[in-house]
N, C-alpha and C. Protein backbone atom coordinates (compact mmCIF):
# COMPACT_ATOMS: atom_id res chain seq x y z
N MET A 1 0.94 -1.32 0.06
CA MET A 1 0.17 -0.03 -0.06
C MET A 1 0.86 1.27 0.18
N ALA A 2 1.91 1.17 0.73
CA ALA A 2 2.80 2.42 0.78
C ALA A 2 3.59 2.61 -0.49
N ALA A 3 3.81 1.70 -1.22
CA ALA A 3 4.39 1.80 -2.57
C ALA A 3 3.59 2.24 -3.67
N GLN A 4 2.10 1.86 -3.45
CA GLN A 4 1.18 2.34 -4.40
C GLN A 4 0.80 3.80 -4.28
N ALA A 5 1.07 4.03 -2.78
CA ALA A 5 0.62 5.72 -2.44
C ALA A 5 1.86 6.58 -2.98
N THR A 6 3.07 6.10 -2.73
CA THR A 6 4.30 6.60 -3.21
C THR A 6 4.23 6.83 -4.80
N LEU A 7 3.86 5.70 -5.50
CA LEU A 7 3.74 5.77 -6.98
C LEU A 7 2.87 6.74 -7.32
N HIS A 8 1.66 6.94 -6.63
CA HIS A 8 0.63 8.03 -7.07
C HIS A 8 1.34 9.22 -6.78
N CYS A 9 1.76 9.51 -5.49
CA CYS A 9 2.49 10.67 -5.32
C CYS A 9 3.64 11.03 -6.43
N LEU A 10 4.36 10.24 -6.73
CA LEU A 10 5.39 10.22 -7.68
C LEU A 10 4.92 10.63 -9.08
N THR A 11 3.66 10.25 -9.53
CA THR A 11 3.08 10.34 -10.64
C THR A 11 2.59 11.87 -10.85
N GLY A 12 2.22 12.49 -9.80
CA GLY A 12 1.78 13.87 -9.82
C GLY A 12 3.13 14.84 -9.42
N CYS A 13 4.03 14.33 -8.82
CA CYS A 13 5.16 15.21 -8.67
C CYS A 13 6.08 15.03 -9.97
N ALA A 14 6.22 14.01 -10.63
CA ALA A 14 6.88 13.78 -11.93
C ALA A 14 6.26 14.86 -13.08
N ILE A 15 4.72 14.88 -12.96
CA ILE A 15 4.09 15.68 -13.97
C ILE A 15 4.69 17.19 -13.61
N GLY A 16 4.35 17.42 -12.73
CA GLY A 16 4.68 19.05 -12.15
C GLY A 16 6.20 19.17 -12.26
N GLU A 17 7.05 18.48 -11.87
CA GLU A 17 8.45 18.51 -11.86
C GLU A 17 8.95 18.73 -13.27
N ILE A 18 8.44 17.73 -14.16
CA ILE A 18 9.08 17.72 -15.53
C ILE A 18 8.47 18.88 -16.13
N LEU A 19 7.33 19.25 -15.97
CA LEU A 19 6.51 20.34 -16.65
C LEU A 19 7.24 21.80 -16.27
N GLY A 20 7.55 21.82 -14.88
CA GLY A 20 8.22 22.95 -14.38
C GLY A 20 9.71 23.12 -14.86
N MET A 21 10.49 22.04 -14.99
CA MET A 21 11.79 21.97 -15.44
C MET A 21 11.85 22.46 -16.76
N VAL A 22 11.01 21.85 -17.81
CA VAL A 22 10.84 22.24 -19.21
C VAL A 22 10.53 23.54 -19.43
N ILE A 23 9.46 23.84 -18.69
CA ILE A 23 8.88 25.17 -18.87
C ILE A 23 10.01 26.31 -18.36
N GLY A 24 10.67 26.18 -17.32
CA GLY A 24 11.68 27.11 -16.98
C GLY A 24 13.00 27.12 -17.71
N THR A 25 13.46 25.81 -18.13
CA THR A 25 14.51 25.88 -19.04
C THR A 25 14.34 26.49 -20.40
N ALA A 26 13.13 26.09 -20.70
CA ALA A 26 12.79 26.64 -22.28
C ALA A 26 12.62 27.92 -22.22
N LEU A 27 12.15 28.79 -21.35
CA LEU A 27 12.02 30.11 -21.10
C LEU A 27 13.31 30.75 -20.82
N GLY A 28 14.37 29.92 -20.50
CA GLY A 28 15.61 30.78 -20.02
C GLY A 28 15.55 31.18 -18.70
N TRP A 29 14.84 30.74 -17.88
CA TRP A 29 14.63 31.20 -16.40
C TRP A 29 15.91 30.69 -15.72
N GLY A 30 16.08 31.50 -14.42
CA GLY A 30 17.03 31.04 -13.66
C GLY A 30 16.80 29.77 -12.87
N ASN A 31 17.79 29.04 -12.34
CA ASN A 31 17.62 27.67 -11.44
C ASN A 31 16.59 28.07 -10.44
N MET A 32 16.64 29.30 -9.74
CA MET A 32 15.57 29.31 -8.60
C MET A 32 14.30 29.19 -9.05
N GLU A 33 14.04 30.25 -10.08
CA GLU A 33 12.82 30.47 -10.64
C GLU A 33 12.06 29.05 -11.29
N THR A 34 12.86 28.28 -11.96
CA THR A 34 12.56 26.97 -12.56
C THR A 34 12.20 26.05 -11.63
N MET A 35 13.02 26.01 -10.37
CA MET A 35 12.66 25.03 -9.24
C MET A 35 11.46 25.49 -8.45
N VAL A 36 11.23 26.62 -8.26
CA VAL A 36 9.98 27.23 -7.74
C VAL A 36 8.85 26.54 -8.62
N LEU A 37 8.82 26.98 -9.69
CA LEU A 37 7.82 26.55 -10.65
C LEU A 37 7.57 24.99 -10.67
N ALA A 38 8.76 24.29 -10.80
CA ALA A 38 8.39 22.78 -10.54
C ALA A 38 8.00 22.41 -9.24
N ILE A 39 8.31 22.84 -8.15
CA ILE A 39 7.91 22.49 -6.93
C ILE A 39 6.21 22.87 -6.73
N VAL A 40 5.88 24.02 -7.33
CA VAL A 40 4.49 24.46 -7.39
C VAL A 40 3.48 23.59 -8.05
N LEU A 41 4.08 23.19 -9.37
CA LEU A 41 3.46 22.32 -10.20
C LEU A 41 3.37 20.96 -9.72
N ALA A 42 4.33 20.57 -8.95
CA ALA A 42 4.57 19.26 -8.40
C ALA A 42 3.36 19.12 -7.32
N PHE A 43 3.33 20.06 -6.55
CA PHE A 43 2.12 20.02 -5.46
C PHE A 43 0.91 20.03 -6.12
N PHE A 44 0.65 20.83 -7.07
CA PHE A 44 -0.74 21.13 -7.79
C PHE A 44 -1.20 19.72 -8.38
N PHE A 45 -0.23 19.07 -9.03
CA PHE A 45 -0.62 18.09 -9.67
C PHE A 45 -0.86 16.69 -8.79
N GLY A 46 0.05 16.75 -7.83
CA GLY A 46 0.12 15.80 -6.88
C GLY A 46 -1.59 15.96 -6.13
N TYR A 47 -1.77 17.14 -5.67
CA TYR A 47 -3.07 17.20 -4.95
C TYR A 47 -4.26 16.80 -5.96
N THR A 48 -4.07 17.56 -7.17
CA THR A 48 -5.08 17.04 -8.11
C THR A 48 -5.70 15.74 -8.62
N LEU A 49 -4.52 14.89 -8.46
CA LEU A 49 -4.60 13.35 -8.84
C LEU A 49 -5.60 12.87 -7.59
N THR A 50 -5.18 13.30 -6.52
CA THR A 50 -5.90 12.85 -5.33
C THR A 50 -7.34 13.22 -5.25
N LEU A 51 -7.38 14.46 -5.58
CA LEU A 51 -8.61 15.12 -5.59
C LEU A 51 -9.58 14.49 -6.33
N ARG A 52 -9.08 14.23 -7.73
CA ARG A 52 -10.06 13.57 -8.67
C ARG A 52 -10.25 12.31 -8.14
N SER A 53 -9.38 11.27 -7.57
CA SER A 53 -10.02 10.04 -7.14
C SER A 53 -11.13 10.39 -6.11
N ILE A 54 -10.84 11.20 -5.16
CA ILE A 54 -11.94 11.29 -4.10
C ILE A 54 -13.20 11.66 -4.43
N ARG A 55 -13.02 12.61 -5.38
CA ARG A 55 -14.32 13.27 -6.06
C ARG A 55 -15.12 12.27 -6.66
N LYS A 56 -14.33 11.11 -7.54
CA LYS A 56 -14.97 10.30 -8.28
C LYS A 56 -15.91 9.16 -7.36
N ALA A 57 -15.61 9.47 -6.15
CA ALA A 57 -16.09 8.50 -5.07
C ALA A 57 -17.37 9.37 -4.70
N GLY A 58 -17.64 10.40 -4.90
CA GLY A 58 -18.91 11.05 -4.55
C GLY A 58 -18.48 12.05 -3.57
N VAL A 59 -17.56 12.40 -3.12
CA VAL A 59 -16.96 13.18 -1.65
C VAL A 59 -17.19 14.81 -2.39
N ASP A 60 -17.96 15.39 -1.40
CA ASP A 60 -17.93 16.91 -1.74
C ASP A 60 -16.53 17.79 -2.10
N PHE A 61 -16.39 18.78 -2.81
CA PHE A 61 -14.96 19.23 -2.93
C PHE A 61 -14.29 19.55 -1.57
N ARG A 62 -14.98 20.29 -0.57
CA ARG A 62 -14.31 20.88 0.60
C ARG A 62 -13.53 19.54 1.23
N THR A 63 -14.50 18.50 1.50
CA THR A 63 -13.90 17.22 2.25
C THR A 63 -12.66 16.83 1.42
N ALA A 64 -12.93 16.48 0.16
CA ALA A 64 -11.89 16.02 -0.68
C ALA A 64 -10.69 16.85 -0.63
N LEU A 65 -10.75 18.13 -0.44
CA LEU A 65 -9.68 18.87 -0.53
C LEU A 65 -8.98 18.55 0.92
N ARG A 66 -9.66 18.70 2.02
CA ARG A 66 -8.94 18.42 3.21
C ARG A 66 -8.36 17.00 3.42
N VAL A 67 -9.01 15.88 2.66
CA VAL A 67 -8.30 14.74 2.53
C VAL A 67 -7.01 14.86 1.76
N ALA A 68 -7.08 15.40 0.83
CA ALA A 68 -5.81 15.36 -0.12
C ALA A 68 -4.76 16.13 0.42
N LEU A 69 -5.20 17.33 1.08
CA LEU A 69 -3.92 18.16 1.75
C LEU A 69 -3.32 17.33 2.98
N ALA A 70 -4.20 16.66 3.88
CA ALA A 70 -3.71 15.74 4.82
C ALA A 70 -2.99 14.53 4.47
N ALA A 71 -3.32 14.07 3.26
CA ALA A 71 -2.91 12.81 2.65
C ALA A 71 -1.63 12.96 2.09
N ASP A 72 -1.35 14.11 1.31
CA ASP A 72 -0.18 14.29 0.32
C ASP A 72 0.74 15.38 0.99
N THR A 73 0.40 16.24 1.61
CA THR A 73 1.34 17.32 1.65
C THR A 73 2.88 16.76 2.23
N LEU A 74 2.99 15.99 3.50
CA LEU A 74 4.03 15.36 3.90
C LEU A 74 4.84 14.63 2.85
N PRO A 75 4.26 13.66 2.13
CA PRO A 75 4.99 12.88 1.20
C PRO A 75 5.35 13.77 0.18
N ILE A 76 4.66 14.63 -0.47
CA ILE A 76 4.96 15.50 -1.51
C ILE A 76 6.36 16.36 -1.10
N ALA A 77 6.02 16.95 0.16
CA ALA A 77 7.11 17.82 0.51
C ALA A 77 8.45 16.91 0.79
N VAL A 78 8.47 15.71 1.16
CA VAL A 78 9.53 14.80 1.18
C VAL A 78 10.04 14.68 -0.20
N MET A 79 9.26 14.06 -1.03
CA MET A 79 9.74 13.88 -2.54
C MET A 79 10.17 15.23 -3.09
N GLU A 80 9.83 16.15 -3.15
CA GLU A 80 10.33 17.61 -3.35
C GLU A 80 11.57 17.80 -3.18
N LEU A 81 11.83 17.63 -1.77
CA LEU A 81 13.05 18.04 -0.95
C LEU A 81 14.08 17.01 -1.67
N ILE A 82 13.88 15.76 -1.72
CA ILE A 82 14.86 14.96 -2.24
C ILE A 82 15.07 15.01 -3.72
N ASP A 83 14.00 15.04 -4.56
CA ASP A 83 14.04 15.43 -5.94
C ASP A 83 14.79 16.42 -6.12
N ASN A 84 14.56 17.67 -5.76
CA ASN A 84 15.37 18.99 -6.01
C ASN A 84 16.68 19.04 -5.26
N GLY A 85 16.79 18.37 -4.40
CA GLY A 85 18.06 18.25 -3.62
C GLY A 85 19.16 17.60 -4.61
N VAL A 86 18.62 16.25 -5.03
CA VAL A 86 19.30 15.51 -5.94
C VAL A 86 19.59 16.55 -7.35
N ILE A 87 18.99 16.85 -7.74
CA ILE A 87 19.07 17.91 -9.01
C ILE A 87 20.23 18.98 -8.75
N ALA A 88 19.91 19.75 -7.62
CA ALA A 88 20.68 20.66 -7.13
C ALA A 88 22.16 20.48 -6.89
N LEU A 89 22.50 19.11 -6.39
CA LEU A 89 23.64 18.65 -5.88
C LEU A 89 24.46 17.94 -7.00
N TRP A 90 23.66 17.56 -8.07
CA TRP A 90 24.38 17.05 -9.21
C TRP A 90 25.13 18.00 -10.17
N PRO A 91 26.30 17.65 -9.98
CA PRO A 91 27.27 18.65 -10.86
C PRO A 91 26.45 19.00 -12.39
N GLY A 92 26.30 20.15 -12.74
CA GLY A 92 25.94 20.46 -14.05
C GLY A 92 24.46 20.12 -14.45
N ALA A 93 24.04 19.61 -13.55
CA ALA A 93 22.15 19.16 -13.59
C ALA A 93 21.58 20.33 -13.75
N MET A 94 21.72 21.43 -13.07
CA MET A 94 20.85 22.64 -13.00
C MET A 94 21.27 23.65 -14.31
N ASP A 95 22.31 23.26 -14.85
CA ASP A 95 22.67 24.12 -15.96
C ASP A 95 22.55 23.48 -17.29
N ALA A 96 21.93 22.37 -17.32
CA ALA A 96 21.89 21.40 -18.42
C ALA A 96 20.66 21.72 -19.21
N SER A 97 20.77 21.85 -20.66
CA SER A 97 19.56 22.19 -21.58
C SER A 97 18.72 21.05 -21.65
N LEU A 98 17.51 21.28 -22.35
CA LEU A 98 16.47 20.25 -22.66
C LEU A 98 17.13 19.23 -23.58
N SER A 99 17.95 19.52 -24.30
CA SER A 99 18.66 18.43 -25.29
C SER A 99 19.65 17.49 -24.70
N ASP A 100 20.12 17.87 -23.46
CA ASP A 100 21.39 17.13 -22.93
C ASP A 100 20.83 16.15 -22.04
N ALA A 101 21.54 15.03 -22.48
CA ALA A 101 21.36 13.66 -21.56
C ALA A 101 21.21 13.83 -19.83
N LEU A 102 22.07 14.68 -19.68
CA LEU A 102 22.33 15.06 -18.23
C LEU A 102 21.09 15.65 -17.72
N PHE A 103 20.33 16.62 -18.22
CA PHE A 103 19.16 17.03 -17.74
C PHE A 103 17.94 16.03 -17.41
N TRP A 104 18.02 14.97 -18.55
CA TRP A 104 16.86 13.87 -18.42
C TRP A 104 17.33 12.89 -17.42
N GLY A 105 18.65 12.62 -17.38
CA GLY A 105 19.13 11.41 -16.54
C GLY A 105 19.09 11.96 -15.33
N ALA A 106 19.41 13.17 -14.74
CA ALA A 106 19.44 13.65 -13.46
C ALA A 106 18.00 13.74 -13.05
N LEU A 107 17.04 14.24 -13.72
CA LEU A 107 15.59 14.19 -13.41
C LEU A 107 15.00 12.83 -13.20
N VAL A 108 15.44 11.83 -14.06
CA VAL A 108 14.78 10.52 -13.77
C VAL A 108 15.57 9.99 -12.50
N LEU A 109 16.87 10.13 -12.30
CA LEU A 109 17.25 9.72 -11.11
C LEU A 109 16.94 10.19 -9.89
N SER A 110 16.68 11.59 -9.78
CA SER A 110 16.34 12.20 -8.75
C SER A 110 14.75 11.95 -8.42
N LEU A 111 13.76 11.43 -9.46
CA LEU A 111 12.55 11.13 -9.02
C LEU A 111 12.50 9.59 -8.54
N ALA A 112 13.53 8.74 -9.13
CA ALA A 112 13.91 7.35 -8.50
C ALA A 112 14.38 7.36 -7.03
N VAL A 113 15.07 8.22 -6.71
CA VAL A 113 15.79 8.28 -5.36
C VAL A 113 14.47 9.12 -4.45
N ALA A 114 13.86 9.85 -4.91
CA ALA A 114 12.65 10.37 -4.22
C ALA A 114 11.64 9.51 -3.88
N PHE A 115 11.35 8.52 -4.83
CA PHE A 115 10.56 7.25 -4.57
C PHE A 115 10.85 6.51 -3.46
N VAL A 116 12.19 6.12 -3.59
CA VAL A 116 12.96 5.26 -2.37
C VAL A 116 12.72 5.97 -1.16
N VAL A 117 13.03 7.26 -0.98
CA VAL A 117 12.88 7.61 0.38
C VAL A 117 11.58 7.89 0.78
N THR A 118 10.79 8.43 -0.02
CA THR A 118 9.26 8.86 0.22
C THR A 118 8.43 7.54 0.64
N THR A 119 8.56 6.36 0.24
CA THR A 119 8.12 4.96 0.47
C THR A 119 7.79 4.82 2.00
N PRO A 120 8.93 5.09 2.70
CA PRO A 120 8.88 4.74 4.28
C PRO A 120 7.91 5.89 4.67
N VAL A 121 8.02 6.99 4.35
CA VAL A 121 7.23 8.02 4.87
C VAL A 121 5.65 7.74 4.78
N ASN A 122 5.46 7.23 3.74
CA ASN A 122 3.90 6.77 3.37
C ASN A 122 3.50 5.52 4.20
N LYS A 123 4.72 4.78 4.39
CA LYS A 123 4.33 3.57 5.39
C LYS A 123 4.06 3.78 6.64
N TRP A 124 4.77 4.87 7.06
CA TRP A 124 4.70 5.21 8.63
C TRP A 124 3.19 6.17 8.61
N MET A 125 2.91 6.88 7.73
CA MET A 125 1.69 7.59 7.69
C MET A 125 0.44 6.36 7.66
N ILE A 126 0.60 5.64 6.85
CA ILE A 126 -0.57 4.44 6.60
C ILE A 126 -0.39 3.82 8.07
N GLY A 127 0.45 3.35 8.32
CA GLY A 127 0.71 2.55 9.79
C GLY A 127 0.01 3.28 10.89
N ARG A 128 -0.28 4.45 10.99
CA ARG A 128 -1.15 5.31 11.89
C ARG A 128 -2.26 5.90 11.40
N GLY A 129 -2.67 5.25 10.37
CA GLY A 129 -4.20 5.43 9.77
C GLY A 129 -4.21 6.85 9.16
N LYS A 130 -3.14 7.17 8.67
CA LYS A 130 -3.07 8.58 8.10
C LYS A 130 -2.73 8.64 6.63
N GLY A 131 -2.81 9.81 6.05
CA GLY A 131 -2.40 9.72 4.66
C GLY A 131 -3.24 8.95 3.71
N HIS A 132 -2.59 8.03 2.84
CA HIS A 132 -3.38 7.34 1.96
C HIS A 132 -4.07 6.26 2.59
N ALA A 133 -4.10 5.86 4.07
CA ALA A 133 -4.98 5.21 4.43
C ALA A 133 -6.33 5.61 4.63
N VAL A 134 -6.42 6.94 4.79
CA VAL A 134 -7.68 7.76 4.49
C VAL A 134 -8.34 7.97 3.35
N VAL A 135 -7.32 8.11 2.40
CA VAL A 135 -7.68 8.12 0.76
C VAL A 135 -8.38 6.93 0.26
N HIS A 136 -7.66 5.79 0.85
CA HIS A 136 -8.07 4.42 0.35
C HIS A 136 -9.48 4.06 0.73
N GLN A 137 -10.15 4.69 1.82
CA GLN A 137 -11.31 4.17 2.31
C GLN A 137 -12.40 4.71 1.32
N TYR A 138 -11.97 5.97 0.49
CA TYR A 138 -12.99 6.42 -0.42
C TYR A 138 -12.86 5.82 -1.95
N HIS A 139 -11.92 4.65 -2.03
CA HIS A 139 -11.98 4.03 -3.22
C HIS A 139 -12.75 2.80 -3.36
N HIS A 140 -13.31 2.38 -2.09
CA HIS A 140 -14.08 1.31 -2.21
C HIS A 140 -15.91 1.79 -2.18
């Protein structure tokens, strides 16, 4: 269950991260602006995916939003910290262009490392009846 929750989180984060990095890099933005955009979009898409699944279960928007915020904030924050930390620390990754293998390789590796680090966070939350343990009840 923790790996599934993390994969769900990774999907939203990856969409936001990749989109943010591509947009910022393509527009020639600085590293900080690009990273902030990627983080904002990662949270947006992460919350949106959870909201969508809870709303499909017939839950009102306000309740679904509260559940999504409670379930996803810590895992997305950890995932973003690790993901962006790996990219920031990888020599040359922040300066790579969209056509560089380094850009895509560092991004893929950073998301993989973030998945490995965030899975225990989700396991801890689920073990306490929090996070995706709450979301899961709406899937039945």
